[in-house]
Amino acid sequence: MHGKCLCGEVEFEIADKLPKLYQCHCSLCRKQGGSSSNTATIVSSENFRWLSGQEHISSWVKDTGFRSDFCSKCGAPVPNPLRGTPYFWVPIGLLDDGQQQLEIAAHLFVGSKAPWEMIASQGVQFETAPALSEFISLLHSNSHV
């Protein structure tokens, strides 16, 4: 699967099967994307590869560890390494293909969702966030082609 930022300068690809998706409803993800939630997945580093534009990636890290990587030209969020693990966080809206077969497996931080948001019934709902190992197992169970 191929993905890129809004202006096309930052490009990447994901090999192998694409894990299931999740939506995060915390206030940081709402502010990062300007929407009710952030839809993403977690991809193994061995299945992720930058194609171009890494020199255009800027980062902002909050003291809590929340990290936002974005294209310095268009401002679109882009994948980033997941806090010292062998995984990448990938915003799913950047993918150019294969989105018809995707499934949302989890909703994180539903306890702090926007009061006007209605969460779809699809996927396990977590009041905050599950343990990382549990979360990755959930996303990678029966991954999509």
C-alpha atoms as a PDB file:
ATOM      1  CA  MET A   1       0.000   0.000   0.000  1.00  0.00           C
ATOM      2  CA  HIS A   2       1.197   3.449  -0.889  1.00  0.00           C
ATOM      3  CA  GLY A   3       0.558   6.664   1.042  1.00  0.00           C
ATOM      4  CA  LYS A   4       1.509  10.317   0.900  1.00  0.00           C
ATOM      5  CA  CYS A   5       0.823  13.662   2.523  1.00  0.00           C
ATOM      6  CA  LEU A   6      -1.510  16.278   1.080  1.00  0.00           C
ATOM      7  CA  CYS A   7       1.119  17.906  -1.164  1.00  0.00           C
ATOM      8  CA  GLY A   8       2.740  14.582  -2.095  1.00  0.00           C
ATOM      9  CA  GLU A   9       6.237  15.455  -0.868  1.00  0.00           C
ATOM     10  CA  VAL A  10       6.290  12.818   1.906  1.00  0.00           C
ATOM     11  CA  GLU A  11       5.631   9.320   0.571  1.00  0.00           C
ATOM     12  CA  PHE A  12       5.771   5.875   2.160  1.00  0.00           C
ATOM     13  CA  GLU A  13       4.659   2.318   1.593  1.00  0.00           C
ATOM     14  CA  ILE A  14       3.392  -0.510   3.737  1.00  0.00           C
ATOM     15  CA  ALA A  15       4.243  -4.088   2.772  1.00  0.00           C
ATOM     16  CA  ASP A  16       2.380  -7.218   3.823  1.00  0.00           C
ATOM     17  CA  LYS A  17      -1.074  -7.163   5.391  1.00  0.00           C
ATOM     18  CA  LEU A  18      -2.511  -3.930   6.739  1.00  0.00           C
ATOM     19  CA  PRO A  19      -3.532  -4.162  10.413  1.00  0.00           C
ATOM     20  CA  LYS A  20      -7.001  -3.187  11.532  1.00  0.00           C
ATOM     21  CA  LEU A  21      -7.692   0.447  12.346  1.00  0.00           C
ATOM     22  CA  TYR A  22      -8.504   2.364  15.480  1.00  0.00           C
ATOM     23  CA  GLN A  23      -9.969   5.743  16.239  1.00  0.00           C
ATOM     24  CA  CYS A  24      -8.663   7.869  19.084  1.00  0.00           C
ATOM     25  CA  HIS A  25     -11.151  10.330  20.548  1.00  0.00           C
ATOM     26  CA  CYS A  26      -8.818  12.168  22.966  1.00  0.00           C
ATOM     27  CA  SER A  27      -8.545  15.956  22.895  1.00  0.00           C
ATOM     28  CA  LEU A  28      -4.988  15.852  21.491  1.00  0.00           C
ATOM     29  CA  CYS A  29      -6.028  13.750  18.481  1.00  0.00           C
ATOM     30  CA  ARG A  30      -9.074  15.976  17.915  1.00  0.00           C
ATOM     31  CA  LYS A  31      -6.830  19.036  17.852  1.00  0.00           C
ATOM     32  CA  GLN A  32      -4.205  17.337  15.668  1.00  0.00           C
ATOM     33  CA  GLY A  33      -6.711  16.411  12.975  1.00  0.00           C
ATOM     34  CA  GLY A  34      -9.366  19.070  13.468  1.00  0.00           C
ATOM     35  CA  SER A  35     -12.068  16.417  13.681  1.00  0.00           C
ATOM     36  CA  SER A  36     -13.938  14.237  16.171  1.00  0.00           C
ATOM     37  CA  SER A  37     -11.225  11.578  16.197  1.00  0.00           C
ATOM     38  CA  ASN A  38      -8.033  10.355  14.603  1.00  0.00           C
ATOM     39  CA  THR A  39      -8.187   7.178  12.493  1.00  0.00           C
ATOM     40  CA  ALA A  40      -4.907   5.288  12.286  1.00  0.00           C
ATOM     41  CA  THR A  41      -3.176   1.941  12.527  1.00  0.00           C
ATOM     42  CA  ILE A  42       0.053   0.590  13.954  1.00  0.00           C
ATOM     43  CA  VAL A  43       2.420  -1.037  11.429  1.00  0.00           C
ATOM     44  CA  SER A  44       5.509  -3.103  12.157  1.00  0.00           C
ATOM     45  CA  SER A  45       8.719  -1.239  11.275  1.00  0.00           C
ATOM     46  CA  GLU A  46       9.782  -4.158   9.081  1.00  0.00           C
ATOM     47  CA  ASN A  47       6.685  -3.547   6.911  1.00  0.00           C
ATOM     48  CA  PHE A  48       7.071   0.235   6.694  1.00  0.00           C
ATOM     49  CA  ARG A  49       9.337   2.110   4.293  1.00  0.00           C
ATOM     50  CA  TRP A  50       9.820   5.772   3.472  1.00  0.00           C
ATOM     51  CA  LEU A  51       9.882   6.453  -0.287  1.00  0.00           C
ATOM     52  CA  SER A  52      10.603  10.184  -0.270  1.00  0.00           C
ATOM     53  CA  GLY A  53      10.365  13.446   1.595  1.00  0.00           C
ATOM     54  CA  GLN A  54      11.723  12.589   5.033  1.00  0.00           C
ATOM     55  CA  GLU A  55      13.597  15.909   4.938  1.00  0.00           C
ATOM     56  CA  HIS A  56      10.176  17.654   4.938  1.00  0.00           C
ATOM     57  CA  ILE A  57       9.021  16.039   8.188  1.00  0.00           C
ATOM     58  CA  SER A  58       8.810  18.224  11.276  1.00  0.00           C
ATOM     59  CA  SER A  59       7.937  16.971  14.762  1.00  0.00           C
ATOM     60  CA  TRP A  60       6.269  18.361  17.826  1.00  0.00           C
ATOM     61  CA  VAL A  61       6.458  16.379  21.068  1.00  0.00           C
ATOM     62  CA  LYS A  62       4.392  17.213  24.150  1.00  0.00           C
ATOM     63  CA  ASP A  63       6.011  16.688  27.568  1.00  0.00           C
ATOM     64  CA  THR A  64       3.670  13.692  28.073  1.00  0.00           C
ATOM     65  CA  GLY A  65       5.243  11.938  25.082  1.00  0.00           C
ATOM     66  CA  PHE A  66       2.454  12.658  22.574  1.00  0.00           C
ATOM     67  CA  ARG A  67       4.178  13.136  19.243  1.00  0.00           C
ATOM     68  CA  SER A  68       2.898  14.774  16.083  1.00  0.00           C
ATOM     69  CA  ASP A  69       4.946  14.456  12.897  1.00  0.00           C
ATOM     70  CA  PHE A  70       3.779  16.493   9.932  1.00  0.00           C
ATOM     71  CA  CYS A  71       4.845  17.625   6.474  1.00  0.00           C
ATOM     72  CA  SER A  72       6.529  21.019   6.790  1.00  0.00           C
ATOM     73  CA  LYS A  73       5.156  22.019   3.369  1.00  0.00           C
ATOM     74  CA  CYS A  74       1.432  21.143   3.659  1.00  0.00           C
ATOM     75  CA  GLY A  75       0.994  20.469   7.397  1.00  0.00           C
ATOM     76  CA  ALA A  76      -0.565  17.033   6.943  1.00  0.00           C
ATOM     77  CA  PRO A  77       0.132  14.538   9.731  1.00  0.00           C
ATOM     78  CA  VAL A  78       2.529  11.804   8.613  1.00  0.00           C
ATOM     79  CA  PRO A  79       3.621   8.450  10.114  1.00  0.00           C
ATOM     80  CA  ASN A  80       5.973   8.453  13.047  1.00  0.00           C
ATOM     81  CA  PRO A  81       7.855   5.855  15.097  1.00  0.00           C
ATOM     82  CA  LEU A  82       5.832   4.663  18.067  1.00  0.00           C
ATOM     83  CA  ARG A  83       7.801   5.617  21.213  1.00  0.00           C
ATOM     84  CA  GLY A  84      10.834   3.359  21.061  1.00  0.00           C
ATOM     85  CA  THR A  85       8.945   0.299  19.807  1.00  0.00           C
ATOM     86  CA  PRO A  86       9.425  -1.539  16.498  1.00  0.00           C
ATOM     87  CA  TYR A  87       6.216   0.034  15.146  1.00  0.00           C
ATOM     88  CA  PHE A  88       5.027   3.079  13.205  1.00  0.00           C
ATOM     89  CA  TRP A  89       1.831   5.035  13.814  1.00  0.00           C
ATOM     90  CA  VAL A  90       0.177   5.577  10.418  1.00  0.00           C
ATOM     91  CA  PRO A  91      -2.731   7.995   9.830  1.00  0.00           C
ATOM     92  CA  ILE A  92      -4.959   5.963   7.549  1.00  0.00           C
ATOM     93  CA  GLY A  93      -6.297   8.891   5.496  1.00  0.00           C
ATOM     94  CA  LEU A  94      -2.877   9.143   3.807  1.00  0.00           C
ATOM     95  CA  LEU A  95      -3.281   5.814   1.986  1.00  0.00           C
ATOM     96  CA  ASP A  96      -3.967   5.984  -1.733  1.00  0.00           C
ATOM     97  CA  ASP A  97      -5.303   2.456  -2.165  1.00  0.00           C
ATOM     98  CA  GLY A  98      -6.829  -0.540  -0.436  1.00  0.00           C
ATOM     99  CA  GLN A  99      -9.114   1.379   1.910  1.00  0.00           C
ATOM    100  CA  GLN A 100     -12.265  -0.490   0.871  1.00  0.00           C
ATOM    101  CA  GLN A 101     -11.403  -3.564   2.995  1.00  0.00           C
ATOM    102  CA  LEU A 102     -10.491  -1.811   6.247  1.00  0.00           C
ATOM    103  CA  GLU A 103     -12.156  -2.343   9.612  1.00  0.00           C
ATOM    104  CA  ILE A 104     -12.118  -0.280  12.805  1.00  0.00           C
ATOM    105  CA  ALA A 105     -11.215  -2.650  15.639  1.00  0.00           C
ATOM    106  CA  ALA A 106     -11.030  -0.182  18.534  1.00  0.00           C
ATOM    107  CA  HIS A 107     -12.025   3.227  19.837  1.00  0.00           C
ATOM    108  CA  LEU A 108      -9.622   4.770  22.359  1.00  0.00           C
ATOM    109  CA  PHE A 109     -10.333   7.426  24.982  1.00  0.00           C
ATOM    110  CA  VAL A 110     -14.108   7.301  24.546  1.00  0.00           C
ATOM    111  CA  GLY A 111     -14.312   8.729  28.074  1.00  0.00           C
ATOM    112  CA  SER A 112     -12.964  12.044  26.767  1.00  0.00           C
ATOM    113  CA  LYS A 113     -14.714  12.199  23.397  1.00  0.00           C
ATOM    114  CA  ALA A 114     -16.343  15.433  22.298  1.00  0.00           C
ATOM    115  CA  PRO A 115     -19.818  15.755  23.827  1.00  0.00           C
ATOM    116  CA  TRP A 116     -21.394  16.074  20.379  1.00  0.00           C
ATOM    117  CA  GLU A 117     -19.741  12.955  18.963  1.00  0.00           C
ATOM    118  CA  MET A 118     -21.631   9.692  18.427  1.00  0.00           C
ATOM    119  CA  ILE A 119     -19.280   6.704  18.214  1.00  0.00           C
ATOM    120  CA  ALA A 120     -20.226   3.953  15.770  1.00  0.00           C
ATOM    121  CA  SER A 121     -20.871   0.578  17.330  1.00  0.00           C
ATOM    122  CA  GLN A 122     -18.113  -1.121  15.320  1.00  0.00           C
ATOM    123  CA  GLY A 123     -14.996  -1.905  17.374  1.00  0.00           C
ATOM    124  CA  VAL A 124     -14.136  -2.387  21.024  1.00  0.00           C
ATOM    125  CA  GLN A 125     -14.505   0.803  23.052  1.00  0.00           C
ATOM    126  CA  PHE A 126     -11.892   1.674  25.681  1.00  0.00           C
ATOM    127  CA  GLU A 127     -12.512   4.372  28.285  1.00  0.00           C
ATOM    128  CA  THR A 128      -8.820   5.352  28.019  1.00  0.00           C
ATOM    129  CA  ALA A 129      -6.214   3.176  26.270  1.00  0.00           C
ATOM    130  CA  PRO A 130      -5.419  -0.526  26.673  1.00  0.00           C
ATOM    131  CA  ALA A 131      -1.931  -1.850  27.354  1.00  0.00           C
ATOM    132  CA  LEU A 132       0.223  -1.467  24.239  1.00  0.00           C
ATOM    133  CA  SER A 133       0.721  -5.234  23.793  1.00  0.00           C
ATOM    134  CA  GLU A 134      -3.046  -5.866  24.028  1.00  0.00           C
ATOM    135  CA  PHE A 135      -3.731  -3.010  21.623  1.00  0.00           C
ATOM    136  CA  ILE A 136      -1.230  -4.196  18.985  1.00  0.00           C
ATOM    137  CA  SER A 137      -2.551  -7.767  19.240  1.00  0.00           C
ATOM    138  CA  LEU A 138      -6.077  -6.504  18.668  1.00  0.00           C
ATOM    139  CA  LEU A 139      -5.072  -4.519  15.571  1.00  0.00           C
ATOM    140  CA  HIS A 140      -2.996  -7.339  14.109  1.00  0.00           C
ATOM    141  CA  SER A 141      -5.535 -10.136  14.629  1.00  0.00           C
ATOM    142  CA  ASN A 142      -6.734 -11.318  11.226  1.00  0.00           C
ATOM    143  CA  SER A 143      -5.139  -8.361   9.431  1.00  0.00           C
ATOM    144  CA  HIS A 144      -6.421  -7.256   6.045  1.00  0.00           C
ATOM    145  CA  VAL A 145      -4.730  -8.013   2.744  1.00  0.00           C
END
